[in-house]
Amino acid sequence: MEVFRLHIGRSFTALYIVDTDRDWVEITHLMTIEQAHKRYGRL
């Protein structure tokens, strides 16, 4: 399963997965960019 990242403005990052078999998107994490960098490093 692939995890995608989307920056929202200059403040937030959303991590999400896409299931094309069932035609849905699930947002797994929503956090500030600083929190995402601390948790996952710079991707």
Protein backbone atom coordinates (compact mmCIF):
# COMPACT_ATOMS: atom_id res chain seq x y z
CA MET A 1 0.00 0.00 0.00
CA GLU A 2 1.35 3.42 -0.94
CA VAL A 3 1.07 6.41 1.36
CA PHE A 4 0.82 9.84 -0.23
CA ARG A 5 1.62 13.24 1.26
CA LEU A 6 -0.12 16.53 0.53
CA HIS A 7 1.03 19.90 1.82
CA ILE A 8 -1.90 22.17 2.63
CA GLY A 9 -0.74 25.75 2.38
CA ARG A 10 2.48 26.36 4.26
CA SER A 11 1.18 25.01 7.56
CA PHE A 12 -0.23 21.49 7.33
CA THR A 13 0.53 18.07 5.89
CA ALA A 14 -1.99 15.32 5.19
CA LEU A 15 -0.88 11.71 4.78
CA TYR A 16 -3.38 9.55 2.92
CA ILE A 17 -3.85 6.25 1.12
CA VAL A 18 -5.81 5.57 -2.07
CA ASP A 19 -7.65 2.32 -2.70
CA THR A 20 -8.46 2.21 -6.40
CA ASP A 21 -10.25 -1.14 -6.09
CA ARG A 22 -12.90 0.35 -3.80
CA ASP A 23 -12.66 3.95 -5.14
CA TRP A 24 -11.90 5.65 -1.83
CA VAL A 25 -9.29 7.85 -0.19
CA GLU A 26 -8.49 7.63 3.53
CA ILE A 27 -6.69 10.43 5.34
CA THR A 28 -4.52 8.70 7.92
CA HIS A 29 -2.80 11.69 9.53
CA LEU A 30 -3.31 15.44 9.52
CA MET A 31 -0.63 17.48 11.28
CA THR A 32 1.49 20.59 11.02
CA ILE A 33 4.48 20.40 8.71
CA GLU A 34 6.80 20.70 11.71
CA GLN A 35 5.14 17.73 13.43
CA ALA A 36 5.37 15.67 10.23
CA HIS A 37 9.09 16.42 9.85
CA LYS A 38 9.76 15.44 13.47
CA ARG A 39 7.74 12.23 13.16
CA TYR A 40 8.70 11.04 9.66
CA GLY A 41 11.76 13.09 8.68
CA ARG A 42 11.94 15.03 5.47
CA LEU A 43 10.49 12.81 2.73
